Amino acid sequence: MSGIGSINLNIVVVDSDFYARNAINAYLAWDRRTRVICKTARLADFWQALDERRLKDRPDAVILDAKQLGGAVPLAAAIERLRERFNDIRVVCLAPFPDLDDLYAATEAGAKAYLLKPDTRIHIAWAICHAYCLADADILISAGVVGEARKLSHRRLNRAKQLALPREYAGLTRRMRQAIELVAIEGISHKLAAHEMDIEVNTVRDYVKTAYSVLESYHDDAGDYPDDMSAQEVAFMRITALDIPDC
């Protein structure tokens, strides 16, 4: 996906689950294309922050916990209100499992994406950028939603785009992936990673060093990243990458 250095999105995260909210915030913070300007457990808190002028920047996208609002009707109302307040905002609905009523309501109300949390996980920033690249009328759905979308008769769902798959690195073994995810994504030290994996620190270092080489060799994407990105930042971008067509 080209244009990594040029995409700059201000994100609002609304999720009632404390751990999910902070995990999403952490993944977005590592990705230079996304900047969290507000994270809260309730959408009402976001509106209050706006009313009190506590947000310095205008949001480009809202990640909305689709199950926190209590059903399809309030979900649709929330999306419509967001779109009325910010004409070109992208509303990305996240759900733990597919719900036909919520999916239809979100689609009808103009949500830009309806994704399952298990389908996105560490790829959340790339998923938002995928949604950002789509045409205005399109909606993005993740793999776990495709089957449910076929049950609904809706013009947007009939032509829905499916979230891109994670980028493949055939040379990355399970243990190398575990090590690089702990160090480059979770941001923990080699010593703590060694404790987590029950191996020697030097082995972790070897795994990470080899993983860096594998991530760099499998895709010709070096020109996509700004020159001032650290090796860890680039590794994070690559390990969380989706195979998204160029914008």
Protein backbone atom coordinates (compact mmCIF):
# COMPACT_ATOMS: atom_id res chain seq x y z
CA MET A 1 0.00 0.00 0.00
CA SER A 2 1.71 3.17 -1.16
CA GLY A 3 1.18 6.57 0.40
CA ILE A 4 2.04 5.48 3.95
CA GLY A 5 3.86 8.73 4.56
CA SER A 6 1.00 10.85 3.22
CA ILE A 7 -2.01 9.37 5.06
CA ASN A 8 -2.69 11.19 8.32
CA LEU A 9 -5.96 10.31 10.06
CA ASN A 10 -7.27 11.62 13.38
CA ILE A 11 -9.09 8.78 15.12
CA VAL A 12 -11.65 8.60 17.91
CA VAL A 13 -11.87 5.24 19.72
CA VAL A 14 -15.12 4.39 21.50
CA ASP A 15 -15.12 0.97 23.13
CA SER A 16 -16.70 -0.09 26.40
CA ASP A 17 -14.06 -2.78 26.98
CA PHE A 18 -11.11 -1.21 28.82
CA TYR A 19 -8.53 -3.69 27.51
CA ALA A 20 -9.81 -3.59 23.93
CA ARG A 21 -9.87 0.22 23.98
CA ASN A 22 -6.30 0.50 25.16
CA ALA A 23 -5.05 -2.23 22.84
CA ILE A 24 -6.60 -0.44 19.86
CA ASN A 25 -5.06 2.83 21.04
CA ALA A 26 -1.63 1.20 21.31
CA TYR A 27 -1.78 -0.33 17.82
CA LEU A 28 -2.91 2.96 16.30
CA ALA A 29 -0.21 4.89 18.16
CA TRP A 30 2.51 2.78 16.55
CA ASP A 31 1.12 3.41 13.05
CA ARG A 32 2.07 6.88 11.82
CA ARG A 33 -0.96 7.09 9.56
CA THR A 34 -3.34 7.10 12.52
CA ARG A 35 -3.41 9.37 15.56
CA VAL A 36 -5.87 8.86 18.41
CA ILE A 37 -7.29 12.22 19.47
CA CYS A 38 -9.89 10.79 21.86
CA LYS A 39 -10.50 7.38 23.45
CA THR A 40 -13.46 6.76 25.66
CA ALA A 41 -15.78 4.03 26.92
CA ARG A 42 -18.97 5.85 25.88
CA LEU A 43 -19.98 7.82 22.82
CA ALA A 44 -21.67 10.34 25.12
CA ASP A 45 -18.23 11.22 26.53
CA PHE A 46 -17.00 12.03 23.04
CA TRP A 47 -19.95 14.36 22.43
CA GLN A 48 -19.26 16.02 25.76
CA ALA A 49 -15.62 16.52 24.84
CA LEU A 50 -16.75 18.19 21.61
CA ASP A 51 -19.24 20.42 23.40
CA GLU A 52 -16.57 21.49 25.88
CA ARG A 53 -14.07 22.11 23.05
CA ARG A 54 -11.55 19.71 24.55
CA LEU A 55 -10.60 18.26 21.15
CA LYS A 56 -8.06 20.34 19.27
CA ASP A 57 -8.40 18.45 15.99
CA ARG A 58 -11.27 17.35 13.82
CA PRO A 59 -11.81 13.56 13.70
CA ASP A 60 -11.45 11.76 10.36
CA ALA A 61 -12.73 8.41 11.63
CA VAL A 62 -14.53 6.95 14.63
CA ILE A 63 -13.98 3.37 15.72
CA LEU A 64 -17.27 2.48 17.34
CA ASP A 65 -18.00 -0.52 19.55
CA ALA A 66 -21.16 -1.69 17.76
CA LYS A 67 -22.53 -3.61 20.76
CA GLN A 68 -22.26 -0.88 23.39
CA LEU A 69 -25.23 1.19 22.25
CA GLY A 70 -27.91 -1.36 23.05
CA GLY A 71 -29.24 -2.40 19.67
CA ALA A 72 -29.64 -1.61 16.00
CA VAL A 73 -31.80 1.52 16.39
CA PRO A 74 -29.44 3.45 18.69
CA LEU A 75 -26.48 2.25 16.62
CA ALA A 76 -27.99 3.69 13.45
CA ALA A 77 -28.87 6.92 15.26
CA ALA A 78 -25.29 7.29 16.52
CA ILE A 79 -23.82 6.76 13.05
CA GLU A 80 -26.26 9.22 11.49
CA ARG A 81 -25.47 11.84 14.13
CA LEU A 82 -21.73 11.45 13.55
CA ARG A 83 -22.16 11.79 9.79
CA GLU A 84 -24.38 14.84 10.18
CA ARG A 85 -21.80 16.53 12.42
CA PHE A 86 -18.83 15.62 10.20
CA ASN A 87 -19.82 15.17 6.57
CA ASP A 88 -16.92 13.02 5.39
CA ILE A 89 -16.20 11.09 8.58
CA ARG A 90 -15.59 7.34 8.38
CA VAL A 91 -17.46 5.33 11.00
CA VAL A 92 -15.84 1.94 11.53
CA CYS A 93 -18.03 -0.43 13.54
CA LEU A 94 -16.25 -3.13 15.52
CA ALA A 95 -18.16 -6.09 16.91
CA PRO A 96 -17.19 -9.28 18.75
CA PHE A 97 -19.50 -11.34 16.52
CA PRO A 98 -21.78 -10.65 13.52
CA ASP A 99 -25.29 -9.42 14.27
CA LEU A 100 -27.71 -9.18 11.34
CA ASP A 101 -29.74 -6.34 12.80
CA ASP A 102 -26.68 -4.29 13.72
CA LEU A 103 -25.04 -4.99 10.36
CA TYR A 104 -28.10 -3.86 8.42
CA ALA A 105 -28.58 -0.77 10.60
CA ALA A 106 -24.91 0.25 10.31
CA THR A 107 -24.95 -0.25 6.55
CA GLU A 108 -28.17 1.71 6.08
CA ALA A 109 -26.92 4.54 8.31
CA GLY A 110 -23.78 4.96 6.21
CA ALA A 111 -21.04 3.22 8.22
CA LYS A 112 -17.81 2.87 6.26
CA ALA A 113 -16.94 -0.53 7.71
CA TYR A 114 -18.37 -3.32 9.85
CA LEU A 115 -15.55 -5.50 11.12
CA LEU A 116 -15.19 -8.25 13.69
CA LYS A 117 -12.61 -7.75 16.40
CA PRO A 118 -11.17 -11.27 15.95
CA ASP A 119 -10.67 -10.49 12.24
CA THR A 120 -8.78 -7.24 12.81
CA ARG A 121 -6.75 -7.48 16.04
CA ILE A 122 -3.24 -6.15 15.37
CA HIS A 123 -4.27 -5.09 11.85
CA ILE A 124 -6.70 -2.40 13.02
CA ALA A 125 -4.72 0.56 11.62
CA TRP A 126 -4.38 -1.09 8.24
CA ALA A 127 -8.11 -1.90 8.30
CA ILE A 128 -8.93 1.77 8.88
CA CYS A 129 -6.63 2.78 6.03
CA HIS A 130 -8.31 0.16 3.81
CA ALA A 131 -11.69 1.73 4.58
CA TYR A 132 -10.23 5.18 3.97
CA CYS A 133 -9.13 4.19 0.46
CA LEU A 134 -12.55 2.96 -0.68
CA ALA A 135 -15.03 4.90 -2.78
CA ASP A 136 -17.61 6.91 -0.86
CA ALA A 137 -20.47 4.46 -1.51
CA ASP A 138 -18.52 1.35 -0.54
CA ILE A 139 -18.63 -0.50 2.77
CA LEU A 140 -15.85 -2.72 4.09
CA ILE A 141 -16.61 -5.99 5.88
CA SER A 142 -14.27 -8.55 7.42
CA ALA A 143 -14.18 -12.28 6.67
CA GLY A 144 -16.43 -13.23 9.58
CA VAL A 145 -19.17 -10.95 8.29
CA VAL A 146 -19.28 -12.10 4.67
CA GLY A 147 -21.64 -15.01 5.24
CA GLU A 148 -24.07 -12.89 7.25
CA ALA A 149 -23.97 -10.09 4.69
CA ARG A 150 -25.22 -12.49 2.01
CA LYS A 151 -28.38 -13.08 4.06
CA LEU A 152 -29.32 -9.42 3.86
CA SER A 153 -30.73 -7.66 0.84
CA HIS A 154 -29.01 -4.32 0.82
CA ARG A 155 -27.46 -2.54 -2.14
CA ARG A 156 -24.28 -1.62 -0.26
CA LEU A 157 -23.77 -5.11 1.15
CA ASN A 158 -24.35 -6.65 -2.27
CA ARG A 159 -21.22 -4.88 -3.45
CA ALA A 160 -19.35 -4.82 -0.13
CA LYS A 161 -15.57 -4.96 -0.20
CA GLN A 162 -13.89 -7.61 1.95
CA LEU A 163 -11.09 -6.61 4.31
CA ALA A 164 -7.74 -7.49 2.79
CA LEU A 165 -5.91 -10.51 4.15
CA PRO A 166 -2.75 -10.22 6.28
CA ARG A 167 0.45 -9.99 4.29
CA GLU A 168 2.16 -13.37 4.02
CA TYR A 169 5.79 -14.01 4.96
CA ALA A 170 6.52 -17.64 4.14
CA GLY A 171 9.97 -17.53 5.75
CA LEU A 172 8.64 -16.41 9.12
CA THR A 173 8.41 -19.39 11.49
CA ARG A 174 5.89 -19.54 14.34
CA ARG A 175 8.57 -18.81 16.96
CA MET A 176 10.10 -15.98 14.96
CA ARG A 177 6.66 -14.42 14.57
CA GLN A 178 6.03 -14.76 18.29
CA ALA A 179 9.34 -13.07 19.10
CA ILE A 180 8.90 -10.19 16.65
CA GLU A 181 5.31 -9.60 17.77
CA LEU A 182 6.38 -9.40 21.41
CA VAL A 183 9.26 -7.02 20.69
CA ALA A 184 8.00 -4.93 17.75
CA ILE A 185 4.27 -4.92 18.44
CA GLU A 186 3.87 -5.34 22.19
CA GLY A 187 7.04 -3.31 22.73
CA ILE A 188 8.52 -5.44 25.51
CA SER A 189 12.22 -6.03 26.11
CA HIS A 190 14.17 -9.00 24.80
CA LYS A 191 14.53 -10.19 28.40
CA LEU A 192 10.78 -10.17 29.03
CA ALA A 193 10.16 -11.80 25.64
CA ALA A 194 12.60 -14.56 26.59
CA HIS A 195 10.72 -15.10 29.86
CA GLU A 196 7.39 -15.20 27.99
CA MET A 197 8.71 -17.70 25.42
CA ASP A 198 10.73 -19.69 27.99
CA ILE A 199 13.95 -19.42 25.98
CA GLU A 200 17.32 -17.67 26.28
CA VAL A 201 17.62 -13.93 25.65
CA ASN A 202 20.18 -14.51 22.89
CA THR A 203 17.74 -16.83 21.15
CA VAL A 204 15.12 -14.09 21.19
CA ARG A 205 17.64 -11.67 19.71
CA ASP A 206 18.46 -14.18 16.96
CA TYR A 207 14.76 -14.72 16.21
CA VAL A 208 14.13 -10.97 16.01
CA LYS A 209 17.18 -10.30 13.84
CA THR A 210 16.19 -13.04 11.41
CA ALA A 211 12.57 -11.86 11.42
CA TYR A 212 13.67 -8.35 10.44
CA SER A 213 15.49 -9.81 7.43
CA VAL A 214 12.52 -11.96 6.43
CA LEU A 215 10.08 -9.05 6.69
CA GLU A 216 12.36 -6.91 4.54
CA SER A 217 13.06 -9.50 1.87
CA TYR A 218 9.56 -10.72 1.02
CA HIS A 219 8.04 -7.46 -0.25
CA ASP A 220 9.51 -4.55 -2.17
CA ASP A 221 7.99 -1.91 0.09
CA ALA A 222 11.03 -0.06 1.43
CA GLY A 223 10.08 3.08 -0.48
CA ASP A 224 6.69 3.22 1.26
CA TYR A 225 8.13 4.22 4.63
CA PRO A 226 9.43 7.66 5.66
CA ASP A 227 13.20 7.84 6.06
CA ASP A 228 12.99 8.70 9.75
CA MET A 229 11.11 5.52 10.69
CA SER A 230 13.06 3.27 13.03
CA ALA A 231 13.67 -0.40 12.22
CA GLN A 232 11.16 -1.35 14.93
CA GLU A 233 8.50 0.94 13.46
CA VAL A 234 8.98 -0.51 9.99
CA ALA A 235 8.86 -4.05 11.40
CA PHE A 236 5.61 -3.17 13.16
CA MET A 237 4.13 -1.84 9.92
CA ARG A 238 5.16 -4.96 8.03
CA ILE A 239 4.03 -7.56 10.55
CA THR A 240 0.62 -5.87 10.89
CA ALA A 241 0.27 -5.21 7.15
CA LEU A 242 -2.69 -6.19 5.02
CA ASP A 243 -2.44 -6.75 1.27
CA ILE A 244 -4.32 -3.57 0.40
CA PRO A 245 -4.24 -2.31 -3.19
CA ASP A 246 -2.67 1.10 -3.68
CA CYS A 247 -4.98 4.03 -2.90
